[in-house]
mmCIF file of all heavy atoms, coordinates in Angstrom:
data_MODEL
# 
_entry.id   MODEL 
# 
loop_
_atom_site.group_PDB 
_atom_site.id 
_atom_site.type_symbol 
_atom_site.label_atom_id 
_atom_site.label_alt_id 
_atom_site.label_comp_id 
_atom_site.label_asym_id 
_atom_site.label_entity_id 
_atom_site.label_seq_id 
_atom_site.pdbx_PDB_ins_code 
_atom_site.Cartn_x 
_atom_site.Cartn_y 
_atom_site.Cartn_z 
_atom_site.occupancy 
_atom_site.B_iso_or_equiv 
_atom_site.pdbx_formal_charge 
_atom_site.auth_seq_id 
_atom_site.auth_comp_id 
_atom_site.auth_asym_id 
_atom_site.auth_atom_id 
_atom_site.pdbx_PDB_model_num 
ATOM 1   N N   . GLU A 1 1  ? 106.815 95.534  69.843 1.00 0.00 ? 1  GLU A N   1 
ATOM 2   C CA  . GLU A 1 1  ? 107.394 96.222  68.678 1.00 0.00 ? 1  GLU A CA  1 
ATOM 3   C C   . GLU A 1 1  ? 106.292 97.052  67.977 1.00 0.00 ? 1  GLU A C   1 
ATOM 4   O O   . GLU A 1 1  ? 105.121 96.970  68.315 1.00 0.00 ? 1  GLU A O   1 
ATOM 5   C CB  . GLU A 1 1  ? 107.973 95.200  67.694 1.00 0.00 ? 1  GLU A CB  1 
ATOM 6   C CG  . GLU A 1 1  ? 108.952 94.242  68.324 1.00 0.00 ? 1  GLU A CG  1 
ATOM 7   C CD  . GLU A 1 1  ? 109.115 92.994  67.490 1.00 0.00 ? 1  GLU A CD  1 
ATOM 8   O OE1 . GLU A 1 1  ? 108.181 92.553  66.855 1.00 0.00 ? 1  GLU A OE1 1 
ATOM 9   O OE2 . GLU A 1 1  ? 110.218 92.504  67.524 1.00 0.00 ? 1  GLU A OE2 1 
ATOM 10  N N   . LEU A 1 2  ? 106.713 97.818  66.992 1.00 0.00 ? 2  LEU A N   1 
ATOM 11  C CA  . LEU A 1 2  ? 105.808 98.622  66.217 1.00 0.00 ? 2  LEU A CA  1 
ATOM 12  C C   . LEU A 1 2  ? 104.703 97.795  65.575 1.00 0.00 ? 2  LEU A C   1 
ATOM 13  O O   . LEU A 1 2  ? 103.570 98.171  65.470 1.00 0.00 ? 2  LEU A O   1 
ATOM 14  C CB  . LEU A 1 2  ? 106.548 99.413  65.128 1.00 0.00 ? 2  LEU A CB  1 
ATOM 15  C CG  . LEU A 1 2  ? 105.747 100.308 64.249 1.00 0.00 ? 2  LEU A CG  1 
ATOM 16  C CD1 . LEU A 1 2  ? 105.053 101.384 65.040 1.00 0.00 ? 2  LEU A CD1 1 
ATOM 17  C CD2 . LEU A 1 2  ? 106.711 100.938 63.225 1.00 0.00 ? 2  LEU A CD2 1 
ATOM 18  N N   . THR A 1 3  ? 105.023 96.533  65.143 1.00 0.00 ? 3  THR A N   1 
ATOM 19  C CA  . THR A 1 3  ? 104.058 95.663  64.561 1.00 0.00 ? 3  THR A CA  1 
ATOM 20  C C   . THR A 1 3  ? 102.866 95.338  65.486 1.00 0.00 ? 3  THR A C   1 
ATOM 21  O O   . THR A 1 3  ? 101.793 95.093  65.049 1.00 0.00 ? 3  THR A O   1 
ATOM 22  C CB  . THR A 1 3  ? 104.711 94.340  64.132 1.00 0.00 ? 3  THR A CB  1 
ATOM 23  O OG1 . THR A 1 3  ? 105.389 93.748  65.192 1.00 0.00 ? 3  THR A OG1 1 
ATOM 24  C CG2 . THR A 1 3  ? 105.685 94.531  62.984 1.00 0.00 ? 3  THR A CG2 1 
ATOM 25  N N   . ASP A 1 4  ? 103.094 95.394  66.812 1.00 0.00 ? 4  ASP A N   1 
ATOM 26  C CA  . ASP A 1 4  ? 102.016 95.194  67.772 1.00 0.00 ? 4  ASP A CA  1 
ATOM 27  C C   . ASP A 1 4  ? 100.956 96.271  67.677 1.00 0.00 ? 4  ASP A C   1 
ATOM 28  O O   . ASP A 1 4  ? 99.795  96.067  67.646 1.00 0.00 ? 4  ASP A O   1 
ATOM 29  C CB  . ASP A 1 4  ? 102.526 95.040  69.165 1.00 0.00 ? 4  ASP A CB  1 
ATOM 30  C CG  . ASP A 1 4  ? 103.374 93.790  69.354 1.00 0.00 ? 4  ASP A CG  1 
ATOM 31  O OD1 . ASP A 1 4  ? 102.929 92.713  69.023 1.00 0.00 ? 4  ASP A OD1 1 
ATOM 32  O OD2 . ASP A 1 4  ? 104.506 93.945  69.787 1.00 0.00 ? 4  ASP A OD2 1 
ATOM 33  N N   . ALA A 1 5  ? 101.451 97.533  67.576 1.00 0.00 ? 5  ALA A N   1 
ATOM 34  C CA  . ALA A 1 5  ? 100.511 98.691  67.449 1.00 0.00 ? 5  ALA A CA  1 
ATOM 35  C C   . ALA A 1 5  ? 99.797  98.674  66.107 1.00 0.00 ? 5  ALA A C   1 
ATOM 36  O O   . ALA A 1 5  ? 98.666  98.901  66.024 1.00 0.00 ? 5  ALA A O   1 
ATOM 37  C CB  . ALA A 1 5  ? 101.285 99.983  67.632 1.00 0.00 ? 5  ALA A CB  1 
ATOM 38  N N   . VAL A 1 6  ? 100.565 98.351  65.071 1.00 0.00 ? 6  VAL A N   1 
ATOM 39  C CA  . VAL A 1 6  ? 100.013 98.281  63.713 1.00 0.00 ? 6  VAL A CA  1 
ATOM 40  C C   . VAL A 1 6  ? 98.955  97.173  63.598 1.00 0.00 ? 6  VAL A C   1 
ATOM 41  O O   . VAL A 1 6  ? 97.842  97.379  63.086 1.00 0.00 ? 6  VAL A O   1 
ATOM 42  C CB  . VAL A 1 6  ? 101.100 98.035  62.633 1.00 0.00 ? 6  VAL A CB  1 
ATOM 43  C CG1 . VAL A 1 6  ? 100.485 97.797  61.264 1.00 0.00 ? 6  VAL A CG1 1 
ATOM 44  C CG2 . VAL A 1 6  ? 102.015 99.298  62.586 1.00 0.00 ? 6  VAL A CG2 1 
ATOM 45  N N   . LEU A 1 7  ? 99.202  96.000  64.191 1.00 0.00 ? 7  LEU A N   1 
ATOM 46  C CA  . LEU A 1 7  ? 98.173  94.925  64.183 1.00 0.00 ? 7  LEU A CA  1 
ATOM 47  C C   . LEU A 1 7  ? 96.910  95.389  64.898 1.00 0.00 ? 7  LEU A C   1 
ATOM 48  O O   . LEU A 1 7  ? 95.791  95.177  64.347 1.00 0.00 ? 7  LEU A O   1 
ATOM 49  C CB  . LEU A 1 7  ? 98.752  93.680  64.872 1.00 0.00 ? 7  LEU A CB  1 
ATOM 50  C CG  . LEU A 1 7  ? 97.893  92.441  64.846 1.00 0.00 ? 7  LEU A CG  1 
ATOM 51  C CD1 . LEU A 1 7  ? 98.759  91.177  64.753 1.00 0.00 ? 7  LEU A CD1 1 
ATOM 52  C CD2 . LEU A 1 7  ? 96.932  92.323  65.977 1.00 0.00 ? 7  LEU A CD2 1 
ATOM 53  N N   . LEU A 1 8  ? 97.024  96.031  66.026 1.00 0.00 ? 8  LEU A N   1 
ATOM 54  C CA  . LEU A 1 8  ? 95.813  96.479  66.751 1.00 0.00 ? 8  LEU A CA  1 
ATOM 55  C C   . LEU A 1 8  ? 95.081  97.563  65.975 1.00 0.00 ? 8  LEU A C   1 
ATOM 56  O O   . LEU A 1 8  ? 93.905  97.506  65.856 1.00 0.00 ? 8  LEU A O   1 
ATOM 57  C CB  . LEU A 1 8  ? 96.225  96.952  68.162 1.00 0.00 ? 8  LEU A CB  1 
ATOM 58  C CG  . LEU A 1 8  ? 95.083  97.331  69.076 1.00 0.00 ? 8  LEU A CG  1 
ATOM 59  C CD1 . LEU A 1 8  ? 94.094  96.200  69.218 1.00 0.00 ? 8  LEU A CD1 1 
ATOM 60  C CD2 . LEU A 1 8  ? 95.565  97.735  70.460 1.00 0.00 ? 8  LEU A CD2 1 
ATOM 61  N N   . LEU A 1 9  ? 95.820  98.512  65.428 1.00 0.00 ? 9  LEU A N   1 
ATOM 62  C CA  . LEU A 1 9  ? 95.175  99.553  64.595 1.00 0.00 ? 9  LEU A CA  1 
ATOM 63  C C   . LEU A 1 9  ? 94.430  98.935  63.380 1.00 0.00 ? 9  LEU A C   1 
ATOM 64  O O   . LEU A 1 9  ? 93.254  99.327  63.110 1.00 0.00 ? 9  LEU A O   1 
ATOM 65  C CB  . LEU A 1 9  ? 96.182  100.542 64.070 1.00 0.00 ? 9  LEU A CB  1 
ATOM 66  C CG  . LEU A 1 9  ? 96.604  101.688 64.988 1.00 0.00 ? 9  LEU A CG  1 
ATOM 67  C CD1 . LEU A 1 9  ? 97.761  102.487 64.420 1.00 0.00 ? 9  LEU A CD1 1 
ATOM 68  C CD2 . LEU A 1 9  ? 95.399  102.640 65.217 1.00 0.00 ? 9  LEU A CD2 1 
ATOM 69  N N   . ASN A 1 10 ? 95.079  98.041  62.753 1.00 0.00 ? 10 ASN A N   1 
ATOM 70  C CA  . ASN A 1 10 ? 94.520  97.414  61.547 1.00 0.00 ? 10 ASN A CA  1 
ATOM 71  C C   . ASN A 1 10 ? 93.207  96.636  61.947 1.00 0.00 ? 10 ASN A C   1 
ATOM 72  O O   . ASN A 1 10 ? 92.230  96.667  61.210 1.00 0.00 ? 10 ASN A O   1 
ATOM 73  C CB  . ASN A 1 10 ? 95.524  96.445  60.904 1.00 0.00 ? 10 ASN A CB  1 
ATOM 74  C CG  . ASN A 1 10 ? 95.083  95.948  59.576 1.00 0.00 ? 10 ASN A CG  1 
ATOM 75  O OD1 . ASN A 1 10 ? 94.405  96.551  58.860 1.00 0.00 ? 10 ASN A OD1 1 
ATOM 76  N ND2 . ASN A 1 10 ? 95.553  94.705  59.275 1.00 0.00 ? 10 ASN A ND2 1 
ATOM 77  N N   . HIS A 1 11 ? 93.272  96.012  63.130 1.00 0.00 ? 11 HIS A N   1 
ATOM 78  C CA  . HIS A 1 11 ? 92.104  95.232  63.519 1.00 0.00 ? 11 HIS A CA  1 
ATOM 79  C C   . HIS A 1 11 ? 90.958  96.156  63.894 1.00 0.00 ? 11 HIS A C   1 
ATOM 80  O O   . HIS A 1 11 ? 89.794  95.938  63.553 1.00 0.00 ? 11 HIS A O   1 
ATOM 81  C CB  . HIS A 1 11 ? 92.435  94.328  64.717 1.00 0.00 ? 11 HIS A CB  1 
ATOM 82  C CG  . HIS A 1 11 ? 91.305  93.605  65.273 1.00 0.00 ? 11 HIS A CG  1 
ATOM 83  N ND1 . HIS A 1 11 ? 90.636  92.627  64.546 1.00 0.00 ? 11 HIS A ND1 1 
ATOM 84  C CD2 . HIS A 1 11 ? 90.659  93.688  66.463 1.00 0.00 ? 11 HIS A CD2 1 
ATOM 85  C CE1 . HIS A 1 11 ? 89.629  92.194  65.279 1.00 0.00 ? 11 HIS A CE1 1 
ATOM 86  N NE2 . HIS A 1 11 ? 89.647  92.814  66.453 1.00 0.00 ? 11 HIS A NE2 1 
ATOM 87  N N   . LEU A 1 12 ? 91.279  97.238  64.645 1.00 0.00 ? 12 LEU A N   1 
ATOM 88  C CA  . LEU A 1 12 ? 90.262  98.156  65.113 1.00 0.00 ? 12 LEU A CA  1 
ATOM 89  C C   . LEU A 1 12 ? 89.572  98.937  63.995 1.00 0.00 ? 12 LEU A C   1 
ATOM 90  O O   . LEU A 1 12 ? 88.354  99.166  64.057 1.00 0.00 ? 12 LEU A O   1 
ATOM 91  C CB  . LEU A 1 12 ? 90.845  99.137  66.150 1.00 0.00 ? 12 LEU A CB  1 
ATOM 92  C CG  . LEU A 1 12 ? 91.259  98.525  67.456 1.00 0.00 ? 12 LEU A CG  1 
ATOM 93  C CD1 . LEU A 1 12 ? 92.012  99.582  68.303 1.00 0.00 ? 12 LEU A CD1 1 
ATOM 94  C CD2 . LEU A 1 12 ? 90.096  97.960  68.236 1.00 0.00 ? 12 LEU A CD2 1 
ATOM 95  N N   . PHE A 1 13 ? 90.345  99.414  63.011 1.00 0.00 ? 13 PHE A N   1 
ATOM 96  C CA  . PHE A 1 13 ? 89.814  100.364 62.048 1.00 0.00 ? 13 PHE A CA  1 
ATOM 97  C C   . PHE A 1 13 ? 89.682  99.810  60.630 1.00 0.00 ? 13 PHE A C   1 
ATOM 98  O O   . PHE A 1 13 ? 89.094  100.411 59.800 1.00 0.00 ? 13 PHE A O   1 
ATOM 99  C CB  . PHE A 1 13 ? 90.672  101.606 62.045 1.00 0.00 ? 13 PHE A CB  1 
ATOM 100 C CG  . PHE A 1 13 ? 90.681  102.322 63.369 1.00 0.00 ? 13 PHE A CG  1 
ATOM 101 C CD1 . PHE A 1 13 ? 91.722  102.292 64.215 1.00 0.00 ? 13 PHE A CD1 1 
ATOM 102 C CD2 . PHE A 1 13 ? 89.517  103.028 63.744 1.00 0.00 ? 13 PHE A CD2 1 
ATOM 103 C CE1 . PHE A 1 13 ? 91.687  102.960 65.411 1.00 0.00 ? 13 PHE A CE1 1 
ATOM 104 C CE2 . PHE A 1 13 ? 89.455  103.645 64.965 1.00 0.00 ? 13 PHE A CE2 1 
ATOM 105 C CZ  . PHE A 1 13 ? 90.554  103.640 65.821 1.00 0.00 ? 13 PHE A CZ  1 
ATOM 106 N N   . ARG A 1 14 ? 90.305  98.630  60.344 1.00 0.00 ? 14 ARG A N   1 
ATOM 107 C CA  . ARG A 1 14 ? 90.197  98.104  58.964 1.00 0.00 ? 14 ARG A CA  1 
ATOM 108 C C   . ARG A 1 14 ? 89.751  96.644  58.984 1.00 0.00 ? 14 ARG A C   1 
ATOM 109 O O   . ARG A 1 14 ? 89.930  95.981  57.940 1.00 0.00 ? 14 ARG A O   1 
ATOM 110 C CB  . ARG A 1 14 ? 91.567  98.290  58.307 1.00 0.00 ? 14 ARG A CB  1 
ATOM 111 C CG  . ARG A 1 14 ? 91.994  99.783  58.200 1.00 0.00 ? 14 ARG A CG  1 
ATOM 112 C CD  . ARG A 1 14 ? 93.168  100.002 57.336 1.00 0.00 ? 14 ARG A CD  1 
ATOM 113 N NE  . ARG A 1 14 ? 93.031  99.385  56.078 1.00 0.00 ? 14 ARG A NE  1 
ATOM 114 C CZ  . ARG A 1 14 ? 92.758  100.014 54.946 1.00 0.00 ? 14 ARG A CZ  1 
ATOM 115 N NH1 . ARG A 1 14 ? 92.489  101.280 54.956 1.00 0.00 ? 14 ARG A NH1 1 
ATOM 116 N NH2 . ARG A 1 14 ? 92.682  99.348  53.778 1.00 0.00 ? 14 ARG A NH2 1 
ATOM 117 N N   . SER A 1 15 ? 89.275  96.174  60.073 1.00 0.00 ? 15 SER A N   1 
ATOM 118 C CA  . SER A 1 15 ? 88.778  94.761  60.186 1.00 0.00 ? 15 SER A CA  1 
ATOM 119 C C   . SER A 1 15 ? 89.859  93.757  59.845 1.00 0.00 ? 15 SER A C   1 
ATOM 120 O O   . SER A 1 15 ? 89.620  92.725  59.235 1.00 0.00 ? 15 SER A O   1 
ATOM 121 C CB  . SER A 1 15 ? 87.571  94.527  59.267 1.00 0.00 ? 15 SER A CB  1 
ATOM 122 O OG  . SER A 1 15 ? 86.526  95.338  59.647 1.00 0.00 ? 15 SER A OG  1 
ATOM 123 N N   . GLY A 1 16 ? 91.091  94.109  60.186 1.00 0.00 ? 16 GLY A N   1 
ATOM 124 C CA  . GLY A 1 16 ? 92.197  93.185  59.964 1.00 0.00 ? 16 GLY A CA  1 
ATOM 125 C C   . GLY A 1 16 ? 92.216  92.034  60.988 1.00 0.00 ? 16 GLY A C   1 
ATOM 126 O O   . GLY A 1 16 ? 91.280  91.903  61.799 1.00 0.00 ? 16 GLY A O   1 
ATOM 127 N N   . PRO A 1 17 ? 93.197  91.147  60.883 1.00 0.00 ? 17 PRO A N   1 
ATOM 128 C CA  . PRO A 1 17 ? 93.244  90.015  61.806 1.00 0.00 ? 17 PRO A CA  1 
ATOM 129 C C   . PRO A 1 17 ? 93.272  90.414  63.286 1.00 0.00 ? 17 PRO A C   1 
ATOM 130 O O   . PRO A 1 17 ? 93.840  91.471  63.646 1.00 0.00 ? 17 PRO A O   1 
ATOM 131 C CB  . PRO A 1 17 ? 94.555  89.299  61.456 1.00 0.00 ? 17 PRO A CB  1 
ATOM 132 C CG  . PRO A 1 17 ? 95.201  90.097  60.351 1.00 0.00 ? 17 PRO A CG  1 
ATOM 133 C CD  . PRO A 1 17 ? 94.334  91.250  60.065 1.00 0.00 ? 17 PRO A CD  1 
ATOM 134 N N   . ALA A 1 18 ? 92.603  89.621  64.122 1.00 0.00 ? 18 ALA A N   1 
ATOM 135 C CA  . ALA A 1 18 ? 92.532  89.870  65.548 1.00 0.00 ? 18 ALA A CA  1 
ATOM 136 C C   . ALA A 1 18 ? 93.893  89.627  66.213 1.00 0.00 ? 18 ALA A C   1 
ATOM 137 O O   . ALA A 1 18 ? 94.632  88.814  65.675 1.00 0.00 ? 18 ALA A O   1 
ATOM 138 C CB  . ALA A 1 18 ? 91.482  89.060  66.135 1.00 0.00 ? 18 ALA A CB  1 
ATOM 139 N N   . PRO A 1 19 ? 94.102  90.215  67.354 1.00 0.00 ? 19 PRO A N   1 
ATOM 140 C CA  . PRO A 1 19 ? 95.279  89.833  68.141 1.00 0.00 ? 19 PRO A CA  1 
ATOM 141 C C   . PRO A 1 19 ? 95.189  88.372  68.537 1.00 0.00 ? 19 PRO A C   1 
ATOM 142 O O   . PRO A 1 19 ? 94.108  87.765  68.525 1.00 0.00 ? 19 PRO A O   1 
ATOM 143 C CB  . PRO A 1 19 ? 95.143  90.686  69.422 1.00 0.00 ? 19 PRO A CB  1 
ATOM 144 C CG  . PRO A 1 19 ? 94.361  91.906  68.969 1.00 0.00 ? 19 PRO A CG  1 
ATOM 145 C CD  . PRO A 1 19 ? 93.393  91.348  67.971 1.00 0.00 ? 19 PRO A CD  1 
ATOM 146 N N   . ARG A 1 20 ? 96.346  87.782  68.821 1.00 0.00 ? 20 ARG A N   1 
ATOM 147 C CA  . ARG A 1 20 ? 96.360  86.371  69.217 1.00 0.00 ? 20 ARG A CA  1 
ATOM 148 C C   . ARG A 1 20 ? 95.642  86.157  70.531 1.00 0.00 ? 20 ARG A C   1 
ATOM 149 O O   . ARG A 1 20 ? 95.331  87.100  71.252 1.00 0.00 ? 20 ARG A O   1 
ATOM 150 C CB  . ARG A 1 20 ? 97.801  85.890  69.292 1.00 0.00 ? 20 ARG A CB  1 
ATOM 151 C CG  . ARG A 1 20 ? 98.438  85.904  67.929 1.00 0.00 ? 20 ARG A CG  1 
ATOM 152 C CD  . ARG A 1 20 ? 99.608  85.017  67.700 1.00 0.00 ? 20 ARG A CD  1 
ATOM 153 N NE  . ARG A 1 20 ? 99.715  83.831  68.501 1.00 0.00 ? 20 ARG A NE  1 
ATOM 154 C CZ  . ARG A 1 20 ? 99.485  82.564  68.070 1.00 0.00 ? 20 ARG A CZ  1 
ATOM 155 N NH1 . ARG A 1 20 ? 99.096  82.369  66.887 1.00 0.00 ? 20 ARG A NH1 1 
ATOM 156 N NH2 . ARG A 1 20 ? 99.690  81.568  68.909 1.00 0.00 ? 20 ARG A NH2 1 
ATOM 157 N N   . LEU A 1 21 ? 95.286  84.937  70.887 1.00 0.00 ? 21 LEU A N   1 
ATOM 158 C CA  . LEU A 1 21 ? 94.588  84.605  72.122 1.00 0.00 ? 21 LEU A CA  1 
ATOM 159 C C   . LEU A 1 21 ? 95.430  84.959  73.262 1.00 0.00 ? 21 LEU A C   1 
ATOM 160 O O   . LEU A 1 21 ? 96.639  84.834  73.252 1.00 0.00 ? 21 LEU A O   1 
ATOM 161 C CB  . LEU A 1 21 ? 94.230  83.141  72.133 1.00 0.00 ? 21 LEU A CB  1 
ATOM 162 C CG  . LEU A 1 21 ? 93.197  82.661  71.060 1.00 0.00 ? 21 LEU A CG  1 
ATOM 163 C CD1 . LEU A 1 21 ? 93.016  81.177  71.114 1.00 0.00 ? 21 LEU A CD1 1 
ATOM 164 C CD2 . LEU A 1 21 ? 91.887  83.394  71.219 1.00 0.00 ? 21 LEU A CD2 1 
ATOM 165 N N   . PRO A 1 22 ? 94.859  85.413  74.395 1.00 0.00 ? 22 PRO A N   1 
ATOM 166 C CA  . PRO A 1 22 ? 93.455  85.514  74.653 1.00 0.00 ? 22 PRO A CA  1 
ATOM 167 C C   . PRO A 1 22 ? 92.832  86.790  74.074 1.00 0.00 ? 22 PRO A C   1 
ATOM 168 O O   . PRO A 1 22 ? 93.246  87.893  74.492 1.00 0.00 ? 22 PRO A O   1 
ATOM 169 C CB  . PRO A 1 22 ? 93.357  85.497  76.211 1.00 0.00 ? 22 PRO A CB  1 
ATOM 170 C CG  . PRO A 1 22 ? 94.671  86.039  76.620 1.00 0.00 ? 22 PRO A CG  1 
ATOM 171 C CD  . PRO A 1 22 ? 95.641  85.661  75.588 1.00 0.00 ? 22 PRO A CD  1 
ATOM 172 N N   . TYR A 1 23 ? 91.866  86.661  73.214 1.00 0.00 ? 23 TYR A N   1 
ATOM 173 C CA  . TYR A 1 23 ? 91.178  87.690  72.603 1.00 0.00 ? 23 TYR A CA  1 
ATOM 174 C C   . TYR A 1 23 ? 89.932  87.111  71.957 1.00 0.00 ? 23 TYR A C   1 
ATOM 175 O O   . TYR A 1 23 ? 90.012  86.036  71.418 1.00 0.00 ? 23 TYR A O   1 
ATOM 176 C CB  . TYR A 1 23 ? 92.005  88.421  71.501 1.00 0.00 ? 23 TYR A CB  1 
ATOM 177 C CG  . TYR A 1 23 ? 91.262  89.557  70.833 1.00 0.00 ? 23 TYR A CG  1 
ATOM 178 C CD1 . TYR A 1 23 ? 91.349  90.820  71.378 1.00 0.00 ? 23 TYR A CD1 1 
ATOM 179 C CD2 . TYR A 1 23 ? 90.448  89.347  69.753 1.00 0.00 ? 23 TYR A CD2 1 
ATOM 180 C CE1 . TYR A 1 23 ? 90.648  91.881  70.830 1.00 0.00 ? 23 TYR A CE1 1 
ATOM 181 C CE2 . TYR A 1 23 ? 89.763  90.383  69.161 1.00 0.00 ? 23 TYR A CE2 1 
ATOM 182 C CZ  . TYR A 1 23 ? 89.857  91.668  69.708 1.00 0.00 ? 23 TYR A CZ  1 
ATOM 183 O OH  . TYR A 1 23 ? 89.192  92.713  69.165 1.00 0.00 ? 23 TYR A OH  1 
ATOM 184 N N   . PRO A 1 24 ? 88.780  87.662  72.038 1.00 0.00 ? 24 PRO A N   1 
ATOM 185 C CA  . PRO A 1 24 ? 88.391  88.900  72.656 1.00 0.00 ? 24 PRO A CA  1 
ATOM 186 C C   . PRO A 1 24 ? 88.024  88.797  74.151 1.00 0.00 ? 24 PRO A C   1 
ATOM 187 O O   . PRO A 1 24 ? 87.783  89.813  74.776 1.00 0.00 ? 24 PRO A O   1 
ATOM 188 C CB  . PRO A 1 24 ? 87.152  89.368  71.833 1.00 0.00 ? 24 PRO A CB  1 
ATOM 189 C CG  . PRO A 1 24 ? 86.502  88.035  71.489 1.00 0.00 ? 24 PRO A CG  1 
ATOM 190 C CD  . PRO A 1 24 ? 87.664  87.117  71.284 1.00 0.00 ? 24 PRO A CD  1 
ATOM 191 N N   . MET A 1 25 ? 87.940  87.564  74.677 1.00 0.00 ? 25 MET A N   1 
ATOM 192 C CA  . MET A 1 25 ? 87.643  87.380  76.021 1.00 0.00 ? 25 MET A CA  1 
ATOM 193 C C   . MET A 1 25 ? 88.925  87.220  76.883 1.00 0.00 ? 25 MET A C   1 
ATOM 194 O O   . MET A 1 25 ? 89.937  86.745  76.352 1.00 0.00 ? 25 MET A O   1 
ATOM 195 C CB  . MET A 1 25 ? 86.736  86.110  76.172 1.00 0.00 ? 25 MET A CB  1 
ATOM 196 C CG  . MET A 1 25 ? 85.422  86.178  75.437 1.00 0.00 ? 25 MET A CG  1 
ATOM 197 S SD  . MET A 1 25 ? 84.414  87.561  75.929 1.00 0.00 ? 25 MET A SD  1 
ATOM 198 C CE  . MET A 1 25 ? 84.052  87.151  77.607 1.00 0.00 ? 25 MET A CE  1 
ATOM 199 N N   . PRO A 1 26 ? 88.851  87.590  78.147 1.00 0.00 ? 26 PRO A N   1 
ATOM 200 C CA  . PRO A 1 26 ? 90.046  87.442  79.005 1.00 0.00 ? 26 PRO A CA  1 
ATOM 201 C C   . PRO A 1 26 ? 90.494  85.966  79.115 1.00 0.00 ? 26 PRO A C   1 
ATOM 202 O O   . PRO A 1 26 ? 89.694  85.089  79.000 1.00 0.00 ? 26 PRO A O   1 
ATOM 203 C CB  . PRO A 1 26 ? 89.542  87.962  80.377 1.00 0.00 ? 26 PRO A CB  1 
ATOM 204 C CG  . PRO A 1 26 ? 88.363  88.777  80.090 1.00 0.00 ? 26 PRO A CG  1 
ATOM 205 C CD  . PRO A 1 26 ? 87.703  88.206  78.862 1.00 0.00 ? 26 PRO A CD  1 
# 
């Protein structure tokens, strides 16, 4: 959903919460 893109953008550019596991390692 759109929230998936927003979560990733927020994390990459505004230090928002990270995606759920597995992250940041495979």
